[in-house]
Amino acid sequence: MSSIFYTRVILNNKQRISGNANNFTIDLKQSYGLQQITHVAVESVSVPNLQYNITSANQSFRISIGGGLTQTCTIAFGQYDITTFMQAIQDQLDVLSGLAEWTVSQNAINRRIQFLNANQTFTIFHSSSTMYNEIGLTEGEDFTAVVAGANWVINAIRVPDLGGVSGAFIHSSALANSAAINARVGAISVLTYLSFADVPFGAIGSRQINDIELSKIRFSQPRNLSVVDIKVRTEDGTLLNVQGGEVQVILRAYYEM
């Protein structure tokens, strides 16, 4: 009668043989404890929360000022709180206008952003705008300023979203091929997930999995583990920017004797 044993395996991007901090390959060599592996289970994972909440994917919106040509309001990518975010937008709108005629503020009660121009009307367009979610506008709709006293105003219809990415998805085709289902693309190679819900920007997110049974991934046929690939992705599948920080996954590799 055979018994099941396991070998603890540490996958750390500092020991990679190729790739970079968020997309790397580890060479585990040909060791006896990693042959004929029947299943694996994640014990823990740690990933730094270092992806900016404003990136090249969500840093701009399209606007026409005074009925003129449509221009792009683009702010530098980086990590913003609501104050620095509104100031960056206001500064760039003043640049587009050629004078300081803008005020971007937040309603003290409902927390929604207001865009105010002291001199002329303006329209914000959804087409080719990537910052709609962050500033609190509805996707698929254009917004034209309305008169408010001597000013022209657009009020966002929901609170701004500067939460950034929700967490880190650890992918590995060597360990987790077709181990999870994504409604958009079907079977994907997700090994485990780490939420950033309580992880401030700049901190290390970690997850200790206490119930190993819940994290087990069984292979249809036993396999030898030698070269293992790890990719750290966001929820939309793009690689998570960890800015060269340390990513580590500790797992158990099970075999029978």
Protein backbone atom coordinates (compact mmCIF):
# COMPACT_ATOMS: atom_id res chain seq x y z
CA MET A 1 0.00 0.00 0.00
CA SER A 2 1.46 3.36 -1.02
CA SER A 3 1.71 6.41 1.20
CA ILE A 4 1.51 10.06 0.20
CA PHE A 5 4.39 12.41 1.03
CA TYR A 6 5.12 15.97 0.09
CA THR A 7 8.10 18.21 -0.56
CA ARG A 8 7.90 21.89 0.34
CA VAL A 9 8.90 24.07 -2.60
CA ILE A 10 9.82 27.77 -2.41
CA LEU A 11 9.35 29.75 -5.62
CA ASN A 12 10.97 33.17 -5.32
CA ASN A 13 11.60 35.57 -8.17
CA LYS A 14 15.06 36.36 -6.76
CA GLN A 15 16.12 32.84 -7.79
CA ARG A 16 14.77 33.07 -11.33
CA ILE A 17 16.80 31.79 -14.27
CA SER A 18 14.94 34.00 -16.74
CA GLY A 19 12.23 36.62 -17.00
CA ASN A 20 11.61 39.49 -14.60
CA ALA A 21 10.00 40.15 -11.24
CA ASN A 22 6.41 39.55 -12.37
CA ASN A 23 6.98 36.92 -15.08
CA PHE A 24 9.75 34.49 -14.26
CA THR A 25 10.99 30.93 -14.48
CA ILE A 26 12.51 28.86 -11.65
CA ASP A 27 14.75 25.83 -12.21
CA LEU A 28 14.06 23.27 -9.45
CA LYS A 29 16.61 20.83 -10.90
CA GLN A 30 15.97 17.11 -11.11
CA SER A 31 15.45 16.16 -7.49
CA TYR A 32 13.91 12.91 -6.28
CA GLY A 33 11.25 14.64 -4.20
CA LEU A 34 9.87 16.43 -7.26
CA GLN A 35 9.33 13.41 -9.50
CA GLN A 36 5.98 11.79 -10.16
CA ILE A 37 4.08 14.59 -8.47
CA THR A 38 0.36 13.83 -8.26
CA HIS A 39 -0.86 17.20 -6.97
CA VAL A 40 0.30 20.50 -5.49
CA ALA A 41 -1.11 22.84 -2.86
CA VAL A 42 -0.22 26.45 -2.06
CA GLU A 43 0.80 27.16 1.55
CA SER A 44 1.45 30.88 1.25
CA VAL A 45 2.02 33.69 -1.19
CA SER A 46 3.46 37.20 -0.86
CA VAL A 47 3.39 40.00 -3.43
CA PRO A 48 4.21 43.71 -3.00
CA ASN A 49 1.36 46.15 -3.70
CA LEU A 50 3.33 48.49 -5.93
CA GLN A 51 1.19 49.00 -9.03
CA TYR A 52 0.13 52.64 -9.35
CA ASN A 53 -3.59 53.39 -9.31
CA ILE A 54 -3.13 55.64 -12.35
CA THR A 55 -1.23 53.93 -15.17
CA SER A 56 -0.93 54.26 -18.92
CA ALA A 57 -4.22 52.33 -19.11
CA ASN A 58 -6.35 54.90 -17.24
CA GLN A 59 -4.61 58.27 -17.28
CA SER A 60 -6.66 60.36 -19.72
CA PHE A 61 -10.03 61.61 -20.91
CA ARG A 62 -11.17 63.49 -23.99
CA ILE A 63 -12.61 67.00 -23.67
CA SER A 64 -13.77 69.89 -25.84
CA ILE A 65 -13.46 73.35 -24.30
CA GLY A 66 -15.59 76.26 -25.53
CA GLY A 67 -16.87 74.24 -28.47
CA GLY A 68 -13.36 73.89 -29.87
CA LEU A 69 -11.43 70.86 -31.01
CA THR A 70 -11.46 67.74 -28.86
CA GLN A 71 -8.30 67.44 -26.79
CA THR A 72 -6.87 64.84 -24.43
CA CYS A 73 -6.44 65.64 -20.75
CA THR A 74 -3.63 63.34 -19.58
CA ILE A 75 -2.06 63.21 -16.13
CA ALA A 76 1.20 61.49 -15.27
CA PHE A 77 0.91 57.92 -14.09
CA GLY A 78 1.58 57.43 -10.39
CA GLN A 79 -0.05 56.76 -7.01
CA TYR A 80 -2.69 59.39 -6.22
CA ASP A 81 -4.95 60.21 -3.33
CA ILE A 82 -8.09 62.20 -4.10
CA THR A 83 -6.44 65.59 -3.41
CA THR A 84 -3.42 65.05 -5.65
CA PHE A 85 -5.62 63.41 -8.27
CA MET A 86 -7.97 66.40 -8.58
CA GLN A 87 -5.07 68.86 -8.55
CA ALA A 88 -3.30 67.00 -11.35
CA ILE A 89 -6.46 67.09 -13.48
CA GLN A 90 -7.06 70.77 -12.74
CA ASP A 91 -3.49 71.69 -13.64
CA GLN A 92 -3.67 69.84 -16.94
CA LEU A 93 -7.05 71.39 -17.83
CA ASP A 94 -5.56 74.84 -17.22
CA VAL A 95 -2.75 73.89 -19.60
CA LEU A 96 -5.27 72.87 -22.26
CA SER A 97 -7.21 76.14 -21.82
CA GLY A 98 -4.11 78.29 -21.74
CA LEU A 99 -5.22 80.04 -18.55
CA ALA A 100 -6.23 79.22 -14.98
CA GLU A 101 -10.01 78.93 -15.38
CA TRP A 102 -10.65 75.50 -13.87
CA THR A 103 -11.61 74.22 -10.44
CA VAL A 104 -11.77 70.48 -9.82
CA SER A 105 -13.21 69.74 -6.37
CA GLN A 106 -15.04 67.08 -4.37
CA ASN A 107 -18.49 67.50 -2.86
CA ALA A 108 -18.17 67.28 0.91
CA ILE A 109 -21.43 65.33 1.26
CA ASN A 110 -21.72 62.88 -1.63
CA ARG A 111 -17.92 62.73 -2.34
CA ARG A 112 -18.41 63.16 -6.10
CA ILE A 113 -16.03 65.20 -8.23
CA GLN A 114 -17.12 68.49 -9.79
CA PHE A 115 -15.49 70.04 -12.87
CA LEU A 116 -16.00 73.82 -13.01
CA ASN A 117 -14.94 76.25 -15.72
CA ALA A 118 -15.27 79.94 -14.87
CA ASN A 119 -15.45 81.18 -18.47
CA GLN A 120 -16.76 78.72 -21.04
CA THR A 121 -18.71 75.55 -21.64
CA PHE A 122 -17.10 72.16 -22.14
CA THR A 123 -17.94 68.53 -22.94
CA ILE A 124 -16.23 65.36 -21.72
CA PHE A 125 -16.42 62.50 -24.21
CA HIS A 126 -16.49 58.81 -23.37
CA SER A 127 -14.89 57.74 -26.65
CA SER A 128 -11.14 57.13 -26.20
CA SER A 129 -11.37 58.23 -22.56
CA THR A 130 -9.72 55.79 -20.16
CA MET A 131 -10.30 57.63 -16.87
CA TYR A 132 -14.11 57.51 -16.70
CA ASN A 133 -14.21 55.02 -13.84
CA GLU A 134 -11.65 56.95 -11.80
CA ILE A 135 -13.40 60.32 -12.10
CA GLY A 136 -16.86 58.83 -11.57
CA LEU A 137 -18.57 59.16 -14.95
CA THR A 138 -20.73 56.55 -16.67
CA GLU A 139 -19.10 54.56 -19.45
CA GLY A 140 -20.71 55.08 -22.85
CA GLU A 141 -22.06 58.56 -22.10
CA ASP A 142 -20.82 62.03 -23.02
CA PHE A 143 -21.25 64.80 -20.45
CA THR A 144 -21.84 68.46 -21.35
CA ALA A 145 -21.48 71.23 -18.78
CA VAL A 146 -24.53 73.05 -17.50
CA VAL A 147 -24.73 76.66 -16.36
CA ALA A 148 -24.34 77.20 -12.61
CA GLY A 149 -24.43 80.91 -11.83
CA ALA A 150 -21.57 82.46 -13.78
CA ASN A 151 -19.83 79.11 -14.26
CA TRP A 152 -20.08 75.95 -16.35
CA VAL A 153 -20.20 72.70 -14.38
CA ILE A 154 -20.18 68.93 -14.75
CA ASN A 155 -20.92 66.89 -11.64
CA ALA A 156 -19.81 63.26 -11.61
CA ILE A 157 -22.64 60.81 -10.96
CA ARG A 158 -20.73 58.49 -8.63
CA VAL A 159 -17.73 58.61 -6.33
CA PRO A 160 -14.24 58.47 -7.84
CA ASP A 161 -12.44 55.14 -7.82
CA LEU A 162 -8.76 55.32 -6.95
CA GLY A 163 -8.60 51.85 -5.46
CA GLY A 164 -6.20 50.55 -8.08
CA VAL A 165 -5.90 46.81 -8.65
CA SER A 166 -7.90 44.49 -6.40
CA GLY A 167 -5.21 41.88 -5.96
CA ALA A 168 -2.68 39.56 -7.55
CA PHE A 169 -3.47 36.41 -9.51
CA ILE A 170 -0.63 33.89 -9.60
CA HIS A 171 -0.56 31.94 -12.86
CA SER A 172 1.56 28.90 -13.69
CA SER A 173 1.10 26.66 -16.72
CA ALA A 174 3.49 24.11 -15.18
CA LEU A 175 1.49 23.81 -11.96
CA ALA A 176 -2.07 24.90 -12.69
CA ASN A 177 -2.97 24.38 -16.31
CA SER A 178 -6.77 24.70 -16.64
CA ALA A 179 -7.16 24.93 -12.84
CA ALA A 180 -9.65 27.82 -12.89
CA ILE A 181 -12.39 29.26 -15.07
CA ASN A 182 -12.59 32.82 -16.35
CA ALA A 183 -15.99 33.75 -17.80
CA ARG A 184 -14.39 35.67 -20.65
CA VAL A 185 -11.67 33.27 -21.79
CA GLY A 186 -12.51 29.87 -20.30
CA ALA A 187 -9.96 27.64 -18.55
CA ILE A 188 -6.93 29.49 -17.18
CA SER A 189 -3.85 28.58 -15.15
CA VAL A 190 -4.53 30.34 -11.84
CA LEU A 191 -2.51 28.82 -9.01
CA THR A 192 -3.81 31.13 -6.27
CA TYR A 193 -5.06 34.65 -5.54
CA LEU A 194 -3.98 37.37 -3.12
CA SER A 195 -6.32 40.26 -2.24
CA PHE A 196 -4.95 43.79 -1.76
CA ALA A 197 -8.13 44.94 0.05
CA ASP A 198 -6.27 45.65 3.30
CA VAL A 199 -2.81 46.18 1.82
CA PRO A 200 -1.80 49.85 1.46
CA PHE A 201 0.29 50.93 -1.50
CA GLY A 202 3.95 50.17 -0.85
CA ALA A 203 3.26 47.32 1.59
CA ILE A 204 3.73 43.58 1.13
CA GLY A 205 0.55 41.60 0.70
CA SER A 206 0.66 38.08 2.07
CA ARG A 207 -1.75 35.20 2.35
CA GLN A 208 -1.31 32.13 4.52
CA ILE A 209 -3.59 29.29 3.45
CA ASN A 210 -4.57 27.35 6.55
CA ASP A 211 -6.85 24.82 4.87
CA ILE A 212 -4.47 23.08 2.47
CA GLU A 213 -7.27 20.93 1.07
CA LEU A 214 -8.88 23.99 -0.46
CA SER A 215 -5.75 24.91 -2.39
CA LYS A 216 -4.92 21.49 -3.84
CA ILE A 217 -4.59 21.16 -7.60
CA ARG A 218 -4.55 17.58 -8.83
CA PHE A 219 -2.87 16.49 -12.05
CA SER A 220 -4.56 14.11 -14.47
CA GLN A 221 -1.23 12.29 -14.76
CA PRO A 222 1.78 12.43 -12.40
CA ARG A 223 4.48 14.82 -13.59
CA ASN A 224 8.06 15.69 -12.79
CA LEU A 225 8.58 19.26 -11.64
CA SER A 226 11.77 20.77 -12.93
CA VAL A 227 11.23 24.15 -14.59
CA VAL A 228 8.30 26.16 -13.21
CA ASP A 229 6.88 29.36 -14.66
CA ILE A 230 5.18 32.03 -12.55
CA LYS A 231 3.24 35.03 -13.83
CA VAL A 232 1.70 37.67 -11.55
CA ARG A 233 -1.36 39.22 -13.17
CA THR A 234 -4.16 41.65 -12.40
CA GLU A 235 -7.81 40.61 -12.60
CA ASP A 236 -7.98 41.67 -16.27
CA GLY A 237 -5.03 39.46 -17.18
CA THR A 238 -2.32 42.09 -17.58
CA LEU A 239 0.97 41.62 -15.78
CA LEU A 240 0.99 43.25 -12.34
CA ASN A 241 3.70 45.87 -11.96
CA VAL A 242 5.66 44.91 -8.82
CA GLN A 243 8.47 47.38 -9.60
CA GLY A 244 11.16 44.73 -9.16
CA GLY A 245 9.86 43.71 -5.73
CA GLU A 246 10.04 40.22 -4.28
CA VAL A 247 7.35 37.69 -5.15
CA GLN A 248 7.28 34.38 -3.30
CA VAL A 249 5.05 31.31 -3.45
CA ILE A 250 5.47 28.38 -1.05
CA LEU A 251 3.75 25.18 -2.05
CA ARG A 252 3.62 21.49 -1.29
CA ALA A 253 4.34 19.00 -4.05
CA TYR A 254 2.78 15.59 -3.28
CA TYR A 255 4.04 12.19 -4.43
CA GLU A 256 3.32 8.56 -3.60
CA MET A 257 5.66 5.87 -2.34
